[in-house]
Amino acid sequence: MKRQFFQFLNRLNKAVLPKYGKKDPTKLKKYQQAIIAYRYFILIHALADD
């Protein structure tokens, strides 16, 4: 159940949130870094075996 929830959030993030993959993370603004951190957190939990 938890994994399905995170997989849903991951699909939603891909559709809604901007992508900053090609930019230097040190030059991003704080809110952009927060978006990257949030997307990473959701991705890791969506891929977890638990």
Protein backbone atom coordinates (compact mmCIF):
# COMPACT_ATOMS: atom_id res chain seq x y z
CA MET A 1 0.00 0.00 0.00
CA LYS A 2 2.77 2.42 0.96
CA ARG A 3 4.76 1.59 -2.17
CA GLN A 4 1.72 2.11 -4.41
CA PHE A 5 1.14 5.51 -2.82
CA PHE A 6 4.72 6.58 -3.52
CA GLN A 7 4.53 5.24 -7.08
CA PHE A 8 1.42 7.33 -7.64
CA LEU A 9 3.17 10.40 -6.23
CA ASN A 10 6.16 9.71 -8.47
CA ARG A 11 3.97 9.63 -11.58
CA LEU A 12 2.25 12.82 -10.45
CA ASN A 13 5.62 14.52 -9.86
CA LYS A 14 6.80 13.60 -13.35
CA ALA A 15 3.71 15.20 -14.85
CA VAL A 16 3.49 18.33 -12.70
CA LEU A 17 6.84 19.38 -11.26
CA PRO A 18 9.64 20.95 -13.32
CA LYS A 19 12.77 18.99 -14.15
CA TYR A 20 16.14 20.36 -13.06
CA GLY A 21 18.30 17.38 -14.07
CA LYS A 22 20.53 19.22 -16.51
CA LYS A 23 21.24 22.18 -14.26
CA ASP A 24 24.01 22.56 -11.69
CA PRO A 25 22.41 21.97 -8.25
CA THR A 26 24.72 24.47 -6.56
CA LYS A 27 23.43 27.28 -8.78
CA LEU A 28 19.74 26.59 -8.16
CA LYS A 29 17.60 28.64 -5.83
CA LYS A 30 16.53 27.14 -2.50
CA TYR A 31 13.00 26.31 -3.62
CA GLN A 32 14.39 24.56 -6.71
CA GLN A 33 16.74 22.52 -4.52
CA ALA A 34 13.77 21.64 -2.30
CA ILE A 35 11.86 20.37 -5.36
CA ILE A 36 14.82 18.15 -6.30
CA ALA A 37 15.04 16.81 -2.75
CA TYR A 38 11.29 16.11 -2.66
CA ARG A 39 11.39 14.32 -6.02
CA TYR A 40 14.38 12.25 -4.88
CA PHE A 41 12.66 11.30 -1.60
CA ILE A 42 9.53 10.14 -3.46
CA LEU A 43 11.56 8.23 -6.05
CA ILE A 44 13.58 6.34 -3.45
CA HIS A 45 10.43 5.32 -1.57
CA ALA A 46 8.67 4.31 -4.82
CA LEU A 47 11.56 1.98 -5.66
CA ALA A 48 11.92 0.51 -2.17
CA ASP A 49 11.29 -3.19 -1.65
CA ASP A 50 9.28 -2.65 1.54
